[in-house]
C-alpha atoms as a PDB file:
ATOM      1  CA  MET A   1       0.000   0.000   0.000  1.00  0.00           C
ATOM      2  CA  VAL A   2       1.329   3.418  -0.956  1.00  0.00           C
ATOM      3  CA  ALA A   3       1.022   6.146   1.668  1.00  0.00           C
ATOM      4  CA  THR A   4      -0.825   9.325   0.758  1.00  0.00           C
ATOM      5  CA  ILE A   5       0.392  12.516   2.377  1.00  0.00           C
ATOM      6  CA  LEU A   6      -2.248  15.203   2.787  1.00  0.00           C
ATOM      7  CA  LYS A   7      -2.380  18.586   4.405  1.00  0.00           C
ATOM      8  CA  VAL A   8      -5.813  18.812   5.986  1.00  0.00           C
ATOM      9  CA  LEU A   9      -7.154  22.368   5.732  1.00  0.00           C
ATOM     10  CA  ALA A  10     -10.273  22.105   7.937  1.00  0.00           C
ATOM     11  CA  ALA A  11     -12.276  19.631   9.980  1.00  0.00           C
ATOM     12  CA  GLU A  12     -14.024  16.770   8.222  1.00  0.00           C
ATOM     13  CA  THR A  13     -17.757  17.321   7.889  1.00  0.00           C
ATOM     14  CA  SER A  14     -20.794  15.264   6.944  1.00  0.00           C
ATOM     15  CA  VAL A  15     -22.418  16.326   3.672  1.00  0.00           C
ATOM     16  CA  GLY A  16     -25.598  14.942   2.152  1.00  0.00           C
ATOM     17  CA  THR A  17     -28.243  16.026  -0.307  1.00  0.00           C
ATOM     18  CA  ALA A  18     -28.138  19.701   0.732  1.00  0.00           C
ATOM     19  CA  GLY A  19     -24.555  20.023  -0.510  1.00  0.00           C
ATOM     20  CA  SER A  20     -21.769  22.352   0.546  1.00  0.00           C
ATOM     21  CA  THR A  21     -19.122  24.586  -1.004  1.00  0.00           C
ATOM     22  CA  LEU A  22     -16.834  23.585   1.894  1.00  0.00           C
ATOM     23  CA  ASN A  23     -16.036  27.268   2.487  1.00  0.00           C
ATOM     24  CA  GLY A  24     -14.700  27.733  -1.030  1.00  0.00           C
ATOM     25  CA  HIS A  25     -11.928  25.155  -0.747  1.00  0.00           C
ATOM     26  CA  GLN A  26     -10.957  23.655  -4.096  1.00  0.00           C
ATOM     27  CA  LEU A  27      -9.545  20.177  -3.347  1.00  0.00           C
ATOM     28  CA  ILE A  28     -11.852  17.945  -1.337  1.00  0.00           C
ATOM     29  CA  ARG A  29     -11.290  14.443   0.036  1.00  0.00           C
ATOM     30  CA  VAL A  30     -14.610  12.607  -0.193  1.00  0.00           C
ATOM     31  CA  TYR A  31     -15.095   9.376   1.791  1.00  0.00           C
ATOM     32  CA  ASN A  32     -18.115   7.097   1.519  1.00  0.00           C
ATOM     33  CA  SER A  33     -18.539   5.635   4.998  1.00  0.00           C
ATOM     34  CA  THR A  34     -21.946   4.139   4.175  1.00  0.00           C
ATOM     35  CA  ALA A  35     -22.748   0.522   3.332  1.00  0.00           C
ATOM     36  CA  SER A  36     -24.004   1.490  -0.156  1.00  0.00           C
ATOM     37  CA  ASP A  37     -22.637   3.213  -3.232  1.00  0.00           C
ATOM     38  CA  VAL A  38     -23.551   6.923  -3.411  1.00  0.00           C
ATOM     39  CA  LEU A  39     -23.904   9.419  -6.230  1.00  0.00           C
ATOM     40  CA  VAL A  40     -21.676  12.474  -5.721  1.00  0.00           C
ATOM     41  CA  THR A  41     -22.773  15.600  -7.616  1.00  0.00           C
ATOM     42  CA  ILE A  42     -20.928  18.862  -8.295  1.00  0.00           C
ATOM     43  CA  LYS A  43     -23.021  21.976  -9.052  1.00  0.00           C
ATOM     44  CA  ASN A  44     -21.994  25.468 -10.108  1.00  0.00           C
ATOM     45  CA  ALA A  45     -23.056  28.691  -8.355  1.00  0.00           C
ATOM     46  CA  SER A  46     -26.292  28.696 -10.416  1.00  0.00           C
ATOM     47  CA  ASP A  47     -27.186  25.240  -8.990  1.00  0.00           C
ATOM     48  CA  VAL A  48     -26.614  23.565 -12.373  1.00  0.00           C
ATOM     49  CA  THR A  49     -24.978  20.135 -12.294  1.00  0.00           C
ATOM     50  CA  THR A  50     -21.506  20.233 -13.846  1.00  0.00           C
ATOM     51  CA  GLY A  51     -20.607  16.613 -13.093  1.00  0.00           C
ATOM     52  CA  SER A  52     -21.356  13.540 -11.041  1.00  0.00           C
ATOM     53  CA  PHE A  53     -19.883  10.136 -10.258  1.00  0.00           C
ATOM     54  CA  THR A  54     -20.636   7.032  -8.211  1.00  0.00           C
ATOM     55  CA  LEU A  55     -18.474   6.520  -5.137  1.00  0.00           C
ATOM     56  CA  LYS A  56     -18.362   2.893  -4.056  1.00  0.00           C
ATOM     57  CA  THR A  57     -18.887   1.972  -0.435  1.00  0.00           C
ATOM     58  CA  TYR A  58     -15.906   2.500   1.910  1.00  0.00           C
ATOM     59  CA  THR A  59     -13.795   4.239  -0.746  1.00  0.00           C
ATOM     60  CA  GLU A  60     -12.400   7.758  -1.164  1.00  0.00           C
ATOM     61  CA  ALA A  61     -11.968  10.174  -4.026  1.00  0.00           C
ATOM     62  CA  PHE A  62     -10.393  13.590  -4.405  1.00  0.00           C
ATOM     63  CA  VAL A  63     -12.497  16.250  -6.116  1.00  0.00           C
ATOM     64  CA  ARG A  64     -11.052  19.464  -7.541  1.00  0.00           C
ATOM     65  CA  LYS A  65     -13.706  22.143  -7.851  1.00  0.00           C
ATOM     66  CA  MET A  66     -14.088  25.887  -8.242  1.00  0.00           C
ATOM     67  CA  PRO A  67     -14.617  27.875  -5.000  1.00  0.00           C
ATOM     68  CA  ALA A  68     -18.315  28.586  -5.667  1.00  0.00           C
ATOM     69  CA  GLU A  69     -19.144  25.023  -6.721  1.00  0.00           C
ATOM     70  CA  SER A  70     -20.925  22.776  -4.250  1.00  0.00           C
ATOM     71  CA  ILE A  71     -20.668  19.048  -3.671  1.00  0.00           C
ATOM     72  CA  SER A  72     -23.606  16.910  -2.573  1.00  0.00           C
ATOM     73  CA  ALA A  73     -24.249  13.192  -2.213  1.00  0.00           C
ATOM     74  CA  SER A  74     -27.281  10.926  -2.373  1.00  0.00           C
ATOM     75  CA  ALA A  75     -26.531   9.859   1.233  1.00  0.00           C
ATOM     76  CA  THR A  76     -24.579  11.562   3.997  1.00  0.00           C
ATOM     77  CA  ILE A  77     -20.839  11.035   3.520  1.00  0.00           C
ATOM     78  CA  LYS A  78     -17.634  12.597   4.892  1.00  0.00           C
ATOM     79  CA  MET A  79     -15.730  15.447   3.210  1.00  0.00           C
ATOM     80  CA  ALA A  80     -12.660  17.473   4.149  1.00  0.00           C
ATOM     81  CA  PRO A  81     -10.688  20.147   2.283  1.00  0.00           C
ATOM     82  CA  VAL A  82      -7.099  19.065   1.704  1.00  0.00           C
ATOM     83  CA  SER A  83      -3.957  19.783  -0.271  1.00  0.00           C
ATOM     84  CA  PHE A  84      -1.163  17.432  -1.309  1.00  0.00           C
END
């Protein structure tokens, strides 16, 4: 297993269907701690979907977004702003 070194920029938070901009941070670690796959959606400042992907159960992804974009998920999952 290869180690990943991250600089965590703020506390991890739970995000669900309401979504969050994560205070304008641009690189977000997303972790699906649920027992089911979830749909992660990125929306622009006008609330228009710009992209989405399925995050398998108990896996993580790193999302780069614009400051005003929000991230939401079909179930409540964990997110934290980070840098490498």
